[in-house]
Amino acid sequence: MSAYRRILLAIDLTEESTQVAACATALANAFGAELHVIHVIEPLSLAYGGDIPMDLSSVQEQIHEQAKSHLAEFANGLGVPAERQYLIFGRPESEIHRVAESGAMDLVIVGSHGRHGLALLLGSTANGVLHGASCDVLAVRVGASGNQAQG
């Protein structure tokens, strides 16, 4: 394996993103790699099948503004400058692939379940990223069983 030079961290901006970021920053530091961060907002029309009787543009705009500030705060906390932060509307798998290819990334790091439930890599964004990626993909398991201390 050759050293990774450009790492793309794909996050969903949930609490679990911190776990995935810890792995990404450790790898970036170990390889002396450039870390990039991407968050993809799935358009509401895609998420809800497109049959929505109302105008969602203002809701979508609010989601975008909120995601923009959360992404900036998160990425700045990792020391990732604005020019290496990507906030994109679209299908997460295809947009992550597109940015990875256009940015000549060597490695994409994703969390392994996010909002898709506990099934590791089954039908999830991580699975979609894994298949069809033009570079290595690391799926970091989040929400591991050791964290179930709530009663």
N, C-alpha and C. Protein backbone atom coordinates (compact mmCIF):
# COMPACT_ATOMS: atom_id res chain seq x y z
N MET A 1 0.84 -1.20 0.00
CA MET A 1 0.00 0.00 0.00
C MET A 1 0.87 1.25 0.00
N SER A 2 0.58 2.15 -0.89
CA SER A 2 1.30 3.41 -0.88
C SER A 2 0.64 4.35 0.12
N ALA A 3 1.34 5.36 0.52
CA ALA A 3 0.82 6.30 1.52
C ALA A 3 -0.36 7.08 0.95
N TYR A 4 -1.30 7.37 1.82
CA TYR A 4 -2.43 8.22 1.43
C TYR A 4 -1.99 9.68 1.49
N ARG A 5 -2.34 10.43 0.45
CA ARG A 5 -1.97 11.85 0.39
C ARG A 5 -3.18 12.76 0.55
N ARG A 6 -4.34 12.32 0.05
CA ARG A 6 -5.56 13.14 0.10
C ARG A 6 -6.70 12.27 0.61
N ILE A 7 -7.20 12.62 1.79
CA ILE A 7 -8.25 11.82 2.44
C ILE A 7 -9.54 12.64 2.48
N LEU A 8 -10.63 12.01 2.04
CA LEU A 8 -11.95 12.65 2.05
C LEU A 8 -12.78 12.03 3.17
N LEU A 9 -13.12 12.83 4.16
CA LEU A 9 -13.95 12.40 5.28
C LEU A 9 -15.39 12.77 4.97
N ALA A 10 -16.25 11.77 4.83
CA ALA A 10 -17.67 12.00 4.55
C ALA A 10 -18.44 11.89 5.86
N ILE A 11 -19.11 12.98 6.25
CA ILE A 11 -19.82 12.99 7.52
C ILE A 11 -21.29 13.33 7.35
N ASP A 12 -22.11 12.86 8.30
CA ASP A 12 -23.54 13.18 8.27
C ASP A 12 -23.90 14.23 9.33
N LEU A 13 -22.90 14.74 10.03
CA LEU A 13 -23.07 15.79 11.04
C LEU A 13 -23.89 15.34 12.24
N THR A 14 -23.95 14.03 12.51
CA THR A 14 -24.54 13.54 13.74
C THR A 14 -23.43 13.44 14.78
N GLU A 15 -23.79 13.08 16.00
CA GLU A 15 -22.78 12.93 17.06
C GLU A 15 -21.71 11.92 16.65
N GLU A 16 -22.11 10.91 15.87
CA GLU A 16 -21.18 9.86 15.49
C GLU A 16 -20.10 10.34 14.53
N SER A 17 -20.31 11.49 13.91
CA SER A 17 -19.29 12.05 13.02
C SER A 17 -17.98 12.27 13.75
N THR A 18 -18.06 12.55 15.05
CA THR A 18 -16.85 12.78 15.84
C THR A 18 -15.99 11.53 15.89
N GLN A 19 -16.64 10.35 16.03
CA GLN A 19 -15.89 9.09 16.05
C GLN A 19 -15.17 8.87 14.72
N VAL A 20 -15.87 9.11 13.63
CA VAL A 20 -15.31 8.90 12.30
C VAL A 20 -14.17 9.90 12.06
N ALA A 21 -14.37 11.14 12.51
CA ALA A 21 -13.36 12.18 12.34
C ALA A 21 -12.09 11.86 13.12
N ALA A 22 -12.24 11.25 14.29
CA ALA A 22 -11.06 10.89 15.09
C ALA A 22 -10.18 9.92 14.31
N CYS A 23 -10.80 8.96 13.65
CA CYS A 23 -10.06 8.00 12.83
C CYS A 23 -9.42 8.71 11.64
N ALA A 24 -10.18 9.58 10.99
CA ALA A 24 -9.68 10.29 9.81
C ALA A 24 -8.49 11.19 10.15
N THR A 25 -8.58 11.92 11.25
CA THR A 25 -7.47 12.81 11.61
C THR A 25 -6.24 12.01 12.02
N ALA A 26 -6.45 10.88 12.69
CA ALA A 26 -5.31 10.03 13.06
C ALA A 26 -4.60 9.52 11.81
N LEU A 27 -5.37 9.06 10.83
CA LEU A 27 -4.77 8.58 9.57
C LEU A 27 -4.09 9.72 8.81
N ALA A 28 -4.75 10.87 8.75
CA ALA A 28 -4.17 12.02 8.05
C ALA A 28 -2.84 12.42 8.69
N ASN A 29 -2.81 12.42 10.01
CA ASN A 29 -1.58 12.76 10.71
C ASN A 29 -0.50 11.71 10.48
N ALA A 30 -0.89 10.44 10.53
CA ALA A 30 0.08 9.35 10.35
C ALA A 30 0.72 9.39 8.96
N PHE A 31 -0.08 9.73 7.95
CA PHE A 31 0.43 9.74 6.57
C PHE A 31 0.90 11.13 6.12
N GLY A 32 0.68 12.13 6.95
CA GLY A 32 0.98 13.50 6.52
C GLY A 32 0.08 13.90 5.37
N ALA A 33 -1.16 13.42 5.41
CA ALA A 33 -2.10 13.62 4.30
C ALA A 33 -2.93 14.89 4.49
N GLU A 34 -3.46 15.36 3.37
CA GLU A 34 -4.37 16.50 3.34
C GLU A 34 -5.78 15.96 3.62
N LEU A 35 -6.45 16.53 4.62
CA LEU A 35 -7.79 16.07 4.98
C LEU A 35 -8.84 17.00 4.38
N HIS A 36 -9.83 16.41 3.71
CA HIS A 36 -10.96 17.13 3.14
C HIS A 36 -12.22 16.59 3.82
N VAL A 37 -13.24 17.45 3.97
CA VAL A 37 -14.48 17.03 4.63
C VAL A 37 -15.66 17.33 3.72
N ILE A 38 -16.55 16.34 3.57
CA ILE A 38 -17.75 16.52 2.74
C ILE A 38 -19.00 16.14 3.54
N HIS A 39 -20.05 16.95 3.34
CA HIS A 39 -21.38 16.63 3.86
C HIS A 39 -22.34 16.81 2.71
N VAL A 40 -23.13 15.77 2.44
CA VAL A 40 -24.09 15.84 1.34
C VAL A 40 -25.50 15.93 1.91
N ILE A 41 -26.23 16.94 1.47
CA ILE A 41 -27.63 17.11 1.87
C ILE A 41 -28.50 16.47 0.81
N GLU A 42 -29.25 15.48 1.22
CA GLU A 42 -30.16 14.83 0.29
C GLU A 42 -31.38 15.74 0.11
N PRO A 43 -31.68 16.14 -1.12
CA PRO A 43 -32.86 17.00 -1.33
C PRO A 43 -34.11 16.33 -0.77
N LEU A 44 -34.96 17.12 -0.15
CA LEU A 44 -36.19 16.57 0.45
C LEU A 44 -37.03 15.84 -0.58
N SER A 45 -37.02 16.33 -1.82
CA SER A 45 -37.81 15.66 -2.86
C SER A 45 -37.32 14.24 -3.10
N LEU A 46 -35.99 13.99 -2.95
CA LEU A 46 -35.47 12.63 -3.08
C LEU A 46 -35.86 11.80 -1.87
N ALA A 47 -35.70 12.38 -0.70
CA ALA A 47 -35.97 11.64 0.53
C ALA A 47 -37.44 11.24 0.65
N TYR A 48 -38.32 12.06 0.12
CA TYR A 48 -39.75 11.78 0.27
C TYR A 48 -40.45 11.43 -1.03
N GLY A 49 -39.69 11.00 -2.01
CA GLY A 49 -40.28 10.47 -3.24
C GLY A 49 -40.77 11.49 -4.23
N GLY A 50 -40.64 12.76 -3.94
CA GLY A 50 -41.01 13.78 -4.93
C GLY A 50 -42.47 14.17 -4.94
N ASP A 51 -43.33 13.47 -4.21
CA ASP A 51 -44.76 13.78 -4.22
C ASP A 51 -45.15 14.64 -3.02
N ILE A 52 -44.61 15.83 -2.96
CA ILE A 52 -44.88 16.68 -1.81
C ILE A 52 -45.73 17.86 -2.27
N PRO A 53 -46.87 18.06 -1.64
CA PRO A 53 -47.81 19.08 -2.10
C PRO A 53 -47.45 20.50 -1.72
N MET A 54 -46.28 20.71 -1.13
CA MET A 54 -45.93 22.07 -0.73
C MET A 54 -44.57 22.46 -1.29
N ASP A 55 -44.32 23.75 -1.25
CA ASP A 55 -43.04 24.26 -1.71
C ASP A 55 -42.03 24.10 -0.58
N LEU A 56 -40.99 23.33 -0.84
CA LEU A 56 -40.01 23.05 0.20
C LEU A 56 -38.77 23.93 0.11
N SER A 57 -38.77 24.89 -0.78
CA SER A 57 -37.55 25.66 -0.98
C SER A 57 -37.10 26.38 0.28
N SER A 58 -38.05 26.93 1.06
CA SER A 58 -37.64 27.64 2.27
C SER A 58 -37.13 26.67 3.33
N VAL A 59 -37.74 25.49 3.41
CA VAL A 59 -37.28 24.46 4.34
C VAL A 59 -35.88 24.00 3.93
N GLN A 60 -35.72 23.76 2.63
CA GLN A 60 -34.43 23.31 2.10
C GLN A 60 -33.35 24.36 2.37
N GLU A 61 -33.71 25.63 2.23
CA GLU A 61 -32.77 26.72 2.49
C GLU A 61 -32.34 26.74 3.96
N GLN A 62 -33.29 26.51 4.87
CA GLN A 62 -32.98 26.46 6.30
C GLN A 62 -32.04 25.29 6.60
N ILE A 63 -32.32 24.14 5.99
CA ILE A 63 -31.47 22.96 6.17
C ILE A 63 -30.06 23.27 5.68
N HIS A 64 -29.97 23.93 4.52
CA HIS A 64 -28.67 24.27 3.95
C HIS A 64 -27.90 25.21 4.87
N GLU A 65 -28.55 26.25 5.36
CA GLU A 65 -27.86 27.21 6.24
C GLU A 65 -27.39 26.55 7.52
N GLN A 66 -28.23 25.70 8.10
CA GLN A 66 -27.86 25.01 9.33
C GLN A 66 -26.68 24.07 9.08
N ALA A 67 -26.75 23.31 7.99
CA ALA A 67 -25.67 22.37 7.65
C ALA A 67 -24.38 23.13 7.36
N LYS A 68 -24.49 24.28 6.71
CA LYS A 68 -23.31 25.08 6.38
C LYS A 68 -22.57 25.50 7.65
N SER A 69 -23.30 25.98 8.65
CA SER A 69 -22.64 26.42 9.88
C SER A 69 -22.11 25.23 10.67
N HIS A 70 -22.87 24.13 10.69
CA HIS A 70 -22.39 22.94 11.41
C HIS A 70 -21.14 22.36 10.75
N LEU A 71 -21.13 22.31 9.42
CA LEU A 71 -19.97 21.78 8.71
C LEU A 71 -18.75 22.66 8.97
N ALA A 72 -18.92 23.97 8.89
CA ALA A 72 -17.80 24.89 9.11
C ALA A 72 -17.24 24.72 10.53
N GLU A 73 -18.14 24.65 11.50
CA GLU A 73 -17.71 24.49 12.89
C GLU A 73 -16.96 23.17 13.09
N PHE A 74 -17.53 22.10 12.51
CA PHE A 74 -16.94 20.77 12.64
C PHE A 74 -15.57 20.70 11.97
N ALA A 75 -15.51 21.15 10.72
CA ALA A 75 -14.26 21.08 9.94
C ALA A 75 -13.19 22.00 10.51
N ASN A 76 -13.59 23.19 10.95
CA ASN A 76 -12.63 24.11 11.55
C ASN A 76 -12.03 23.51 12.82
N GLY A 77 -12.85 22.76 13.56
CA GLY A 77 -12.37 22.07 14.75
C GLY A 77 -11.32 21.02 14.43
N LEU A 78 -11.35 20.51 13.21
CA LEU A 78 -10.36 19.53 12.76
C LEU A 78 -9.16 20.19 12.08
N GLY A 79 -9.23 21.51 11.94
CA GLY A 79 -8.16 22.23 11.26
C GLY A 79 -8.24 22.13 9.75
N VAL A 80 -9.43 21.85 9.22
CA VAL A 80 -9.62 21.74 7.77
C VAL A 80 -10.10 23.10 7.25
N PRO A 81 -9.32 23.74 6.37
CA PRO A 81 -9.70 25.07 5.88
C PRO A 81 -10.92 25.04 4.97
N ALA A 82 -11.53 26.19 4.80
CA ALA A 82 -12.78 26.31 4.05
C ALA A 82 -12.67 25.74 2.63
N GLU A 83 -11.51 25.90 1.99
CA GLU A 83 -11.39 25.41 0.60
C GLU A 83 -11.36 23.89 0.51
N ARG A 84 -11.28 23.19 1.65
CA ARG A 84 -11.34 21.73 1.65
C ARG A 84 -12.60 21.23 2.34
N GLN A 85 -13.61 22.10 2.43
CA GLN A 85 -14.92 21.72 2.97
C GLN A 85 -15.93 21.74 1.84
N TYR A 86 -16.70 20.66 1.72
CA TYR A 86 -17.66 20.55 0.62
C TYR A 86 -19.05 20.32 1.20
N LEU A 87 -19.98 21.21 0.86
CA LEU A 87 -21.38 21.05 1.23
C LEU A 87 -22.16 20.99 -0.08
N ILE A 88 -22.77 19.82 -0.34
CA ILE A 88 -23.35 19.57 -1.66
C ILE A 88 -24.75 19.00 -1.51
N PHE A 89 -25.66 19.40 -2.41
CA PHE A 89 -26.99 18.80 -2.50
C PHE A 89 -26.92 17.64 -3.47
N GLY A 90 -27.56 16.53 -3.13
CA GLY A 90 -27.63 15.42 -4.06
C GLY A 90 -27.70 14.08 -3.35
N ARG A 91 -27.49 13.02 -4.11
CA ARG A 91 -27.45 11.68 -3.52
C ARG A 91 -26.07 11.49 -2.90
N PRO A 92 -26.00 11.15 -1.61
CA PRO A 92 -24.70 11.07 -0.95
C PRO A 92 -23.68 10.20 -1.67
N GLU A 93 -24.07 8.99 -2.09
CA GLU A 93 -23.09 8.08 -2.71
C GLU A 93 -22.49 8.69 -3.96
N SER A 94 -23.33 9.20 -4.85
CA SER A 94 -22.80 9.70 -6.13
C SER A 94 -22.01 10.99 -5.94
N GLU A 95 -22.42 11.85 -5.02
CA GLU A 95 -21.68 13.10 -4.80
C GLU A 95 -20.34 12.83 -4.13
N ILE A 96 -20.29 11.88 -3.21
CA ILE A 96 -19.02 11.52 -2.57
C ILE A 96 -18.06 10.95 -3.62
N HIS A 97 -18.58 10.08 -4.50
CA HIS A 97 -17.75 9.54 -5.59
C HIS A 97 -17.23 10.66 -6.48
N ARG A 98 -18.12 11.59 -6.82
CA ARG A 98 -17.75 12.67 -7.74
C ARG A 98 -16.63 13.53 -7.15
N VAL A 99 -16.77 13.92 -5.88
CA VAL A 99 -15.75 14.76 -5.24
C VAL A 99 -14.45 13.98 -5.06
N ALA A 100 -14.56 12.70 -4.73
CA ALA A 100 -13.36 11.88 -4.56
C ALA A 100 -12.57 11.79 -5.87
N GLU A 101 -13.29 11.63 -6.98
CA GLU A 101 -12.62 11.53 -8.28
C GLU A 101 -12.07 12.88 -8.73
N SER A 102 -12.89 13.92 -8.65
CA SER A 102 -12.44 15.23 -9.13
C SER A 102 -11.32 15.80 -8.26
N GLY A 103 -11.30 15.41 -6.97
CA GLY A 103 -10.25 15.89 -6.09
C GLY A 103 -9.07 14.96 -5.97
N ALA A 104 -9.07 13.89 -6.77
CA ALA A 104 -7.98 12.90 -6.78
C ALA A 104 -7.69 12.37 -5.37
N MET A 105 -8.77 12.00 -4.65
CA MET A 105 -8.61 11.47 -3.30
C MET A 105 -8.06 10.05 -3.35
N ASP A 106 -7.25 9.69 -2.36
CA ASP A 106 -6.69 8.34 -2.25
C ASP A 106 -7.54 7.46 -1.35
N LEU A 107 -8.30 8.10 -0.45
CA LEU A 107 -9.06 7.36 0.55
C LEU A 107 -10.31 8.14 0.91
N VAL A 108 -11.44 7.43 0.99
CA VAL A 108 -12.68 8.01 1.49
C VAL A 108 -12.99 7.32 2.81
N ILE A 109 -13.32 8.09 3.84
CA ILE A 109 -13.67 7.53 5.14
C ILE A 109 -15.11 7.88 5.44
N VAL A 110 -15.91 6.86 5.75
CA VAL A 110 -17.33 7.05 6.06
C VAL A 110 -17.68 6.31 7.35
N GLY A 111 -18.72 6.77 8.02
CA GLY A 111 -19.27 6.03 9.16
C GLY A 111 -20.12 4.90 8.63
N SER A 112 -20.21 3.82 9.39
CA SER A 112 -20.84 2.63 8.83
C SER A 112 -22.33 2.48 9.07
N HIS A 113 -22.98 3.40 9.81
CA HIS A 113 -24.43 3.30 9.78
C HIS A 113 -25.17 4.62 9.74
N GLY A 114 -24.71 5.66 10.40
CA GLY A 114 -25.39 6.95 10.31
C GLY A 114 -26.87 6.84 10.57
N ARG A 115 -27.66 7.49 9.76
CA ARG A 115 -29.11 7.52 9.99
C ARG A 115 -29.82 6.29 9.44
N HIS A 116 -29.09 5.33 8.93
CA HIS A 116 -29.72 4.18 8.31
C HIS A 116 -29.92 3.00 9.26
N GLY A 117 -29.68 3.20 10.54
CA GLY A 117 -29.89 2.10 11.49
C GLY A 117 -28.63 1.31 11.73
N LEU A 118 -28.76 0.27 12.52
CA LEU A 118 -27.58 -0.43 13.03
C LEU A 118 -26.98 -1.45 12.08
N ALA A 119 -27.65 -1.78 11.01
CA ALA A 119 -27.13 -2.82 10.12
C ALA A 119 -25.85 -2.32 9.44
N LEU A 120 -24.75 -2.90 9.83
CA LEU A 120 -23.45 -2.47 9.32
C LEU A 120 -23.36 -2.66 7.81
N LEU A 121 -23.23 -1.56 7.10
CA LEU A 121 -23.01 -1.55 5.65
C LEU A 121 -24.13 -2.15 4.80
N LEU A 122 -25.30 -2.39 5.37
CA LEU A 122 -26.37 -2.98 4.55
C LEU A 122 -27.34 -1.89 4.09
N GLY A 123 -27.30 -1.60 2.82
CA GLY A 123 -28.22 -0.62 2.26
C GLY A 123 -27.93 0.80 2.71
N SER A 124 -26.76 1.04 3.26
CA SER A 124 -26.45 2.35 3.81
C SER A 124 -25.66 3.19 2.82
N THR A 125 -25.47 4.45 3.19
CA THR A 125 -24.61 5.31 2.39
C THR A 125 -23.20 4.72 2.29
N ALA A 126 -22.71 4.17 3.41
CA ALA A 126 -21.37 3.58 3.40
C ALA A 126 -21.27 2.48 2.35
N ASN A 127 -22.30 1.66 2.26
CA ASN A 127 -22.31 0.59 1.26
C ASN A 127 -22.30 1.17 -0.15
N GLY A 128 -23.09 2.21 -0.36
CA GLY A 128 -23.13 2.85 -1.66
C GLY A 128 -21.80 3.47 -2.05
N VAL A 129 -21.11 4.03 -1.06
CA VAL A 129 -19.80 4.63 -1.33
C VAL A 129 -18.78 3.55 -1.65
N LEU A 130 -18.86 2.44 -0.90
CA LEU A 130 -17.91 1.34 -1.08
C LEU A 130 -17.96 0.79 -2.51
N HIS A 131 -19.18 0.59 -3.03
CA HIS A 131 -19.34 0.05 -4.38
C HIS A 131 -19.24 1.17 -5.40
N GLY A 132 -18.31 1.04 -6.29
CA GLY A 132 -18.16 2.03 -7.34
C GLY A 132 -17.15 3.12 -7.03
N ALA A 133 -16.50 3.03 -5.89
CA ALA A 133 -15.49 4.04 -5.56
C ALA A 133 -14.25 3.82 -6.40
N SER A 134 -13.59 4.92 -6.75
CA SER A 134 -12.38 4.81 -7.57
C SER A 134 -11.12 4.79 -6.71
N CYS A 135 -11.30 4.80 -5.38
CA CYS A 135 -10.16 4.75 -4.47
C CYS A 135 -10.53 3.88 -3.27
N ASP A 136 -9.62 3.74 -2.34
CA ASP A 136 -9.90 2.95 -1.14
C ASP A 136 -11.01 3.62 -0.32
N VAL A 137 -11.80 2.79 0.36
CA VAL A 137 -12.85 3.28 1.25
C VAL A 137 -12.68 2.61 2.60
N LEU A 138 -12.71 3.42 3.65
CA LEU A 138 -12.65 2.89 5.00
C LEU A 138 -13.97 3.20 5.68
N ALA A 139 -14.67 2.15 6.10
CA ALA A 139 -15.93 2.31 6.84
C ALA A 139 -15.63 2.16 8.32
N VAL A 140 -15.84 3.23 9.07
CA VAL A 140 -15.58 3.22 10.51
C VAL A 140 -16.88 2.88 11.22
N ARG A 141 -16.85 1.83 12.00
CA ARG A 141 -18.07 1.42 12.69
C ARG A 141 -18.36 2.41 13.81
N VAL A 142 -19.56 2.94 13.82
CA VAL A 142 -19.97 3.90 14.84
C VAL A 142 -21.16 3.35 15.61
N GLY A 143 -21.38 3.91 16.79
CA GLY A 143 -22.47 3.42 17.62
C GLY A 143 -22.24 1.98 18.03
N ALA A 144 -20.99 1.63 18.33
CA ALA A 144 -20.63 0.24 18.65
C ALA A 144 -21.36 -0.23 19.90
N SER A 145 -21.46 -1.54 20.03
CA SER A 145 -22.25 -2.15 21.11
C SER A 145 -21.77 -1.77 22.50
N GLY A 146 -20.54 -1.36 22.64
CA GLY A 146 -20.02 -0.96 23.94
C GLY A 146 -20.63 0.32 24.48
N ASN A 147 -21.39 1.03 23.65
CA ASN A 147 -21.95 2.31 24.05
C ASN A 147 -23.41 2.21 24.49
N GLN A 148 -23.86 1.05 24.89
CA GLN A 148 -25.27 0.89 25.22
C GLN A 148 -25.52 0.89 26.71
N ALA A 149 -24.92 1.82 27.42
CA ALA A 149 -25.01 1.86 28.88
C ALA A 149 -26.31 2.52 29.38
N GLN A 150 -27.09 3.12 28.48
CA GLN A 150 -28.32 3.74 28.94
C GLN A 150 -29.29 2.68 29.42
N GLY A 151 -30.07 3.02 30.46
CA GLY A 151 -30.97 2.03 31.02
C GLY A 151 -32.36 2.26 30.59
